C-alpha atoms as a PDB file:
ATOM      1  CA  UNK A   1      91.891  25.911 190.431  1.00  0.00           C
ATOM      2  CA  UNK A   2      89.888  22.702 190.285  1.00  0.00           C
ATOM      3  CA  UNK A   3      87.992  21.844 187.103  1.00  0.00           C
ATOM      4  CA  UNK A   4      85.507  18.982 186.866  1.00  0.00           C
ATOM      5  CA  UNK A   5      84.209  17.503 183.638  1.00  0.00           C
ATOM      6  CA  UNK A   6      81.571  15.009 182.664  1.00  0.00           C
ATOM      7  CA  UNK A   7      82.762  12.882 179.733  1.00  0.00           C
ATOM      8  CA  UNK A   8      79.894  11.812 177.472  1.00  0.00           C
ATOM      9  CA  UNK A   9      78.407  14.634 175.398  1.00  0.00           C
ATOM     10  CA  UNK A  10      80.557  17.094 177.289  1.00  0.00           C
ATOM     11  CA  UNK A  11      84.067  16.150 176.133  1.00  0.00           C
ATOM     12  CA  UNK A  12      83.164  13.492 173.563  1.00  0.00           C
ATOM     13  CA  UNK A  13      80.372  13.437 170.995  1.00  0.00           C
ATOM     14  CA  UNK A  14      78.834  10.158 172.182  1.00  0.00           C
ATOM     15  CA  UNK A  15      75.177  10.675 171.264  1.00  0.00           C
ATOM     16  CA  UNK A  16      75.899  11.676 167.656  1.00  0.00           C
ATOM     17  CA  UNK A  17      78.348   8.797 167.359  1.00  0.00           C
ATOM     18  CA  UNK A  18      75.612   6.479 168.648  1.00  0.00           C
ATOM     19  CA  UNK A  19      73.110   8.049 166.233  1.00  0.00           C
ATOM     20  CA  UNK A  20      75.276   7.099 163.242  1.00  0.00           C
ATOM     21  CA  UNK A  21      75.923   3.652 164.725  1.00  0.00           C
ATOM     22  CA  UNK A  22      72.181   3.073 165.176  1.00  0.00           C
ATOM     23  CA  UNK A  23      71.570   3.985 161.529  1.00  0.00           C
ATOM     24  CA  UNK A  24      73.977   1.257 160.450  1.00  0.00           C
ATOM     25  CA  UNK A  25      72.769  -1.325 162.955  1.00  0.00           C
ATOM     26  CA  UNK A  26      69.102  -0.754 162.151  1.00  0.00           C
ATOM     27  CA  UNK A  27      69.718  -0.129 158.435  1.00  0.00           C
ATOM     28  CA  UNK A  28      67.563   2.945 158.852  1.00  0.00           C
ATOM     29  CA  UNK A  29      68.716   6.299 157.506  1.00  0.00           C
ATOM     30  CA  UNK A  30      67.502   9.213 159.616  1.00  0.00           C
ATOM     31  CA  UNK A  31      68.213  12.852 158.811  1.00  0.00           C
ATOM     32  CA  UNK A  32      70.800  14.390 161.153  1.00  0.00           C
ATOM     33  CA  UNK A  33      68.439  17.346 161.631  1.00  0.00           C
ATOM     34  CA  UNK A  34      66.141  15.028 163.590  1.00  0.00           C
ATOM     35  CA  UNK A  35      69.022  14.202 165.923  1.00  0.00           C
ATOM     36  CA  UNK A  36      69.811  17.899 166.412  1.00  0.00           C
ATOM     37  CA  UNK A  37      66.161  18.544 167.271  1.00  0.00           C
ATOM     38  CA  UNK A  38      65.824  15.928 170.013  1.00  0.00           C
ATOM     39  CA  UNK A  39      64.726  17.425 173.304  1.00  0.00           C
ATOM     40  CA  UNK A  40      65.843  14.507 175.463  1.00  0.00           C
ATOM     41  CA  UNK A  41      69.154  12.769 176.042  1.00  0.00           C
ATOM     42  CA  UNK A  42      67.984   9.440 174.652  1.00  0.00           C
ATOM     43  CA  UNK A  43      68.186   9.048 170.871  1.00  0.00           C
ATOM     44  CA  UNK A  44      65.995   6.004 170.239  1.00  0.00           C
ATOM     45  CA  UNK A  45      62.828   7.940 169.429  1.00  0.00           C
ATOM     46  CA  UNK A  46      64.481   9.165 166.217  1.00  0.00           C
ATOM     47  CA  UNK A  47      64.384   5.535 165.088  1.00  0.00           C
ATOM     48  CA  UNK A  48      60.827   4.807 166.219  1.00  0.00           C
ATOM     49  CA  UNK A  49      61.970   2.584 169.097  1.00  0.00           C
ATOM     50  CA  UNK A  50      60.030   2.301 172.333  1.00  0.00           C
ATOM     51  CA  UNK A  51      61.724   3.317 175.574  1.00  0.00           C
ATOM     52  CA  UNK A  52      62.312  -0.335 176.439  1.00  0.00           C
ATOM     53  CA  UNK A  53      63.711  -1.227 173.001  1.00  0.00           C
ATOM     54  CA  UNK A  54      65.806   1.940 173.043  1.00  0.00           C
ATOM     55  CA  UNK A  55      67.286   1.104 176.450  1.00  0.00           C
ATOM     56  CA  UNK A  56      68.045  -2.447 175.326  1.00  0.00           C
ATOM     57  CA  UNK A  57      69.792  -1.229 172.179  1.00  0.00           C
ATOM     58  CA  UNK A  58      71.789   1.334 174.155  1.00  0.00           C
ATOM     59  CA  UNK A  59      72.878  -1.273 176.700  1.00  0.00           C
ATOM     60  CA  UNK A  60      73.899  -3.721 173.942  1.00  0.00           C
ATOM     61  CA  UNK A  61      75.897  -0.996 172.175  1.00  0.00           C
ATOM     62  CA  UNK A  62      77.884   0.409 175.110  1.00  0.00           C
ATOM     63  CA  UNK A  63      81.131  -1.491 174.605  1.00  0.00           C
ATOM     64  CA  UNK A  64      81.308  -0.350 170.996  1.00  0.00           C
ATOM     65  CA  UNK A  65      80.217   3.218 171.693  1.00  0.00           C
ATOM     66  CA  UNK A  66      82.424   3.791 174.722  1.00  0.00           C
ATOM     67  CA  UNK A  67      85.642   2.185 173.591  1.00  0.00           C
ATOM     68  CA  UNK A  68      86.087   2.570 169.858  1.00  0.00           C
ATOM     69  CA  UNK A  69      86.490   5.789 167.894  1.00  0.00           C
ATOM     70  CA  UNK A  70      83.934   8.118 169.423  1.00  0.00           C
ATOM     71  CA  UNK A  71      85.219  11.591 168.495  1.00  0.00           C
ATOM     72  CA  UNK A  72      86.261  14.181 171.022  1.00  0.00           C
ATOM     73  CA  UNK A  73      84.745  17.619 170.626  1.00  0.00           C
ATOM     74  CA  UNK A  74      87.092  19.930 168.799  1.00  0.00           C
ATOM     75  CA  UNK A  75      89.327  21.798 171.217  1.00  0.00           C
ATOM     76  CA  UNK A  76      88.390  19.719 174.282  1.00  0.00           C
ATOM     77  CA  UNK A  77      91.661  17.814 174.606  1.00  0.00           C
ATOM     78  CA  UNK A  78      93.711  20.932 173.866  1.00  0.00           C
ATOM     79  CA  UNK A  79      91.862  22.823 176.614  1.00  0.00           C
ATOM     80  CA  UNK A  80      92.344  20.016 179.143  1.00  0.00           C
ATOM     81  CA  UNK A  81      96.052  19.813 178.384  1.00  0.00           C
ATOM     82  CA  UNK A  82      96.357  23.592 178.677  1.00  0.00           C
ATOM     83  CA  UNK A  83      94.607  23.559 182.053  1.00  0.00           C
ATOM     84  CA  UNK A  84      96.964  20.829 183.249  1.00  0.00           C
ATOM     85  CA  UNK A  85      99.999  22.662 181.884  1.00  0.00           C
ATOM     86  CA  UNK A  86      98.897  25.804 183.732  1.00  0.00           C
ATOM     87  CA  UNK A  87      98.883  23.825 187.003  1.00  0.00           C
ATOM     88  CA  UNK A  88      95.142  23.353 187.455  1.00  0.00           C
ATOM     89  CA  UNK A  89      93.615  20.143 188.794  1.00  0.00           C
ATOM     90  CA  UNK A  90      91.349  18.236 186.402  1.00  0.00           C
ATOM     91  CA  UNK A  91      88.669  15.814 187.600  1.00  0.00           C
ATOM     92  CA  UNK A  92      86.446  13.537 185.534  1.00  0.00           C
ATOM     93  CA  UNK A  93      83.067  12.607 186.978  1.00  0.00           C
ATOM     94  CA  UNK A  94      81.004  10.260 184.827  1.00  0.00           C
ATOM     95  CA  UNK A  95      77.808   8.322 185.374  1.00  0.00           C
ATOM     96  CA  UNK A  96      78.959   5.533 183.100  1.00  0.00           C
ATOM     97  CA  UNK A  97      78.063   2.162 184.649  1.00  0.00           C
ATOM     98  CA  UNK A  98      80.495   0.936 187.294  1.00  0.00           C
ATOM     99  CA  UNK A  99      81.460  -2.125 185.250  1.00  0.00           C
ATOM    100  CA  UNK A 100      82.942   0.221 182.614  1.00  0.00           C
ATOM    101  CA  UNK A 101      85.263   2.034 185.038  1.00  0.00           C
ATOM    102  CA  UNK A 102      88.575   0.367 184.131  1.00  0.00           C
ATOM    103  CA  UNK A 103      87.952   0.344 180.393  1.00  0.00           C
ATOM    104  CA  UNK A 104      86.859   3.986 180.489  1.00  0.00           C
ATOM    105  CA  UNK A 105      89.980   5.023 182.388  1.00  0.00           C
ATOM    106  CA  UNK A 106      92.224   3.075 179.997  1.00  0.00           C
ATOM    107  CA  UNK A 107      90.407   4.468 176.936  1.00  0.00           C
ATOM    108  CA  UNK A 108      90.949   8.008 178.219  1.00  0.00           C
ATOM    109  CA  UNK A 109      94.660   7.337 178.737  1.00  0.00           C
ATOM    110  CA  UNK A 110      94.900   5.939 175.179  1.00  0.00           C
ATOM    111  CA  UNK A 111      93.147   9.034 173.778  1.00  0.00           C
ATOM    112  CA  UNK A 112      95.628  11.331 175.539  1.00  0.00           C
ATOM    113  CA  UNK A 113      93.440  12.825 178.251  1.00  0.00           C
ATOM    114  CA  UNK A 114      95.452  14.328 181.116  1.00  0.00           C
ATOM    115  CA  UNK A 115      94.120  11.941 183.750  1.00  0.00           C
ATOM    116  CA  UNK A 116      95.250  10.502 187.046  1.00  0.00           C
ATOM    117  CA  UNK A 117      93.486   7.698 188.858  1.00  0.00           C
ATOM    118  CA  UNK A 118      92.635   9.657 192.015  1.00  0.00           C
ATOM    119  CA  UNK A 119      90.865  12.345 189.956  1.00  0.00           C
ATOM    120  CA  UNK A 120      88.630   9.905 188.070  1.00  0.00           C
ATOM    121  CA  UNK A 121      85.152   9.074 189.365  1.00  0.00           C
ATOM    122  CA  UNK A 122      82.879   6.600 187.607  1.00  0.00           C
ATOM    123  CA  UNK A 123      79.816   4.511 188.327  1.00  0.00           C
ATOM    124  CA  UNK A 124      77.465   6.765 190.238  1.00  0.00           C
ATOM    125  CA  UNK A 125      73.944   7.849 189.359  1.00  0.00           C
ATOM    126  CA  UNK A 126      73.501  11.276 187.828  1.00  0.00           C
ATOM    127  CA  UNK A 127      71.901  12.523 191.031  1.00  0.00           C
ATOM    128  CA  UNK A 128      74.907  11.370 193.075  1.00  0.00           C
ATOM    129  CA  UNK A 129      77.402  13.470 191.147  1.00  0.00           C
ATOM    130  CA  UNK A 130      76.605  16.506 193.280  1.00  0.00           C
ATOM    131  CA  UNK A 131      78.003  14.843 196.404  1.00  0.00           C
ATOM    132  CA  UNK A 132      81.299  14.117 194.669  1.00  0.00           C
ATOM    133  CA  UNK A 133      81.464  17.613 193.198  1.00  0.00           C
ATOM    134  CA  UNK A 134      80.786  19.168 196.599  1.00  0.00           C
ATOM    135  CA  UNK A 135      83.371  16.992 198.350  1.00  0.00           C
ATOM    136  CA  UNK A 136      86.011  17.934 195.753  1.00  0.00           C
ATOM    137  CA  UNK A 137      85.248  21.642 196.195  1.00  0.00           C
ATOM    138  CA  UNK A 138      85.494  22.241 192.468  1.00  0.00           C
ATOM    139  CA  UNK A 139      85.761  25.774 191.133  1.00  0.00           C
ATOM    140  CA  UNK A 140      84.168  24.879 187.765  1.00  0.00           C
ATOM    141  CA  UNK A 141      82.082  21.930 186.651  1.00  0.00           C
ATOM    142  CA  UNK A 142      81.041  21.179 183.039  1.00  0.00           C
ATOM    143  CA  UNK A 143      78.190  18.823 182.113  1.00  0.00           C
ATOM    144  CA  UNK A 144      75.413  18.420 179.544  1.00  0.00           C
ATOM    145  CA  UNK A 145      72.577  16.742 181.440  1.00  0.00           C
ATOM    146  CA  UNK A 146      69.823  18.848 182.957  1.00  0.00           C
ATOM    147  CA  UNK A 147      69.256  16.196 185.657  1.00  0.00           C
ATOM    148  CA  UNK A 148      72.835  16.687 186.852  1.00  0.00           C
ATOM    149  CA  UNK A 149      73.032  20.431 186.361  1.00  0.00           C
ATOM    150  CA  UNK A 150      69.792  21.000 188.251  1.00  0.00           C
ATOM    151  CA  UNK A 151      71.242  19.250 191.324  1.00  0.00           C
ATOM    152  CA  UNK A 152      74.044  21.827 191.421  1.00  0.00           C
ATOM    153  CA  UNK A 153      71.837  24.900 191.581  1.00  0.00           C
ATOM    154  CA  UNK A 154      72.816  26.958 194.588  1.00  0.00           C
ATOM    155  CA  UNK A 155      76.158  25.210 195.127  1.00  0.00           C
ATOM    156  CA  UNK A 156      79.425  27.142 195.257  1.00  0.00           C
ATOM    157  CA  UNK A 157      80.797  25.584 192.081  1.00  0.00           C
ATOM    158  CA  UNK A 158      80.568  27.563 188.836  1.00  0.00           C
ATOM    159  CA  UNK A 159      78.459  25.364 186.566  1.00  0.00           C
ATOM    160  CA  UNK A 160      78.849  25.576 182.799  1.00  0.00           C
ATOM    161  CA  UNK A 161      76.598  23.703 180.373  1.00  0.00           C
ATOM    162  CA  UNK A 162      77.975  21.961 177.302  1.00  0.00           C
ATOM    163  CA  UNK A 163      75.328  23.037 174.811  1.00  0.00           C
ATOM    164  CA  UNK A 164      73.051  20.284 173.504  1.00  0.00           C
ATOM    165  CA  UNK A 165      69.569  20.345 171.950  1.00  0.00           C
ATOM    166  CA  UNK A 166      68.038  18.879 175.133  1.00  0.00           C
ATOM    167  CA  UNK A 167      69.496  21.434 177.562  1.00  0.00           C
ATOM    168  CA  UNK A 168      68.779  24.751 175.867  1.00  0.00           C
ATOM    169  CA  UNK A 169      65.995  25.514 178.333  1.00  0.00           C
ATOM    170  CA  UNK A 170      68.537  25.858 181.150  1.00  0.00           C
ATOM    171  CA  UNK A 171      69.404  29.409 182.099  1.00  0.00           C
ATOM    172  CA  UNK A 172      73.054  28.738 182.897  1.00  0.00           C
ATOM    173  CA  UNK A 173      76.351  29.785 181.317  1.00  0.00           C
ATOM    174  CA  UNK A 174      77.062  27.494 178.397  1.00  0.00           C
ATOM    175  CA  UNK A 175      79.768  26.591 175.967  1.00  0.00           C
ATOM    176  CA  UNK A 176      79.141  25.547 172.392  1.00  0.00           C
ATOM    177  CA  UNK A 177      82.762  25.323 171.307  1.00  0.00           C
ATOM    178  CA  UNK A 178      85.715  24.260 173.477  1.00  0.00           C
ATOM    179  CA  UNK A 179      88.109  26.525 171.559  1.00  0.00           C
ATOM    180  CA  UNK A 180      86.045  29.560 172.533  1.00  0.00           C
ATOM    181  CA  UNK A 181      85.879  28.440 176.142  1.00  0.00           C
ATOM    182  CA  UNK A 182      89.617  28.003 176.171  1.00  0.00           C
ATOM    183  CA  UNK A 183      90.092  31.620 175.130  1.00  0.00           C
ATOM    184  CA  UNK A 184      87.610  32.799 177.770  1.00  0.00           C
ATOM    185  CA  UNK A 185      89.105  30.667 180.535  1.00  0.00           C
ATOM    186  CA  UNK A 186      92.653  31.693 179.679  1.00  0.00           C
ATOM    187  CA  UNK A 187      91.723  35.358 179.972  1.00  0.00           C
ATOM    188  CA  UNK A 188      89.828  34.850 183.259  1.00  0.00           C
ATOM    189  CA  UNK A 189      92.165  32.575 185.235  1.00  0.00           C
ATOM    190  CA  UNK A 190      95.633  33.807 184.368  1.00  0.00           C
END
C-alpha cells in the first residue's frame, strides 16, 4: 500500500514548538490552554500580534523551528518504520517553502525517518497537494490542515486527519495518537 504524510503538525509538533519559542522570543508567557484552544493554524493571535506581524515572526523563525529539536509526535516514527518494514511505500508531501527542501530532507534523514528522495515532495501550495496525491495514487493520506483536507473530498484516497484544535469541525476519520493508529492500521492491512 501507499501511505502519504504531511510533516508539520502531522508527524512533528511544530506549532506547539513554535508556541514555546515565541514565548521566549517575545518574553511573553501565555498559558498553554490558549494554544490548545486556537481555531486556526496560525499561532500569533495568542501573543496579540497582527496577521502581518505574525507572518513576519513566523518567516523569521523558520530555520530555527524547522531544523532544530522540534519533537516528533509519540509513536509517529515507530509507525513509519513499521510501515516500511512491512513493505509499504511511504511518501512525504509538505507545503514547506521550496527553499527549505534540501534542509528538510536532510533533517528528516538525521531524525531517522524512513525516507527516499523520490518519495519526498516539498515546496507546493497547500491547494496543490491534491494533484501530487492523485498522481501518486495513494491509499491513505494523513494531514492536519482543513485547506488541504477539503481539497481531497471525493478523491479515492482514504484521508485521515491528525487531530488539532483547528480541524475538529471536519467530519473525517482522525487520529489523536500515532500509537493507536499503528494498532488499527496493523489490524486492517495485514
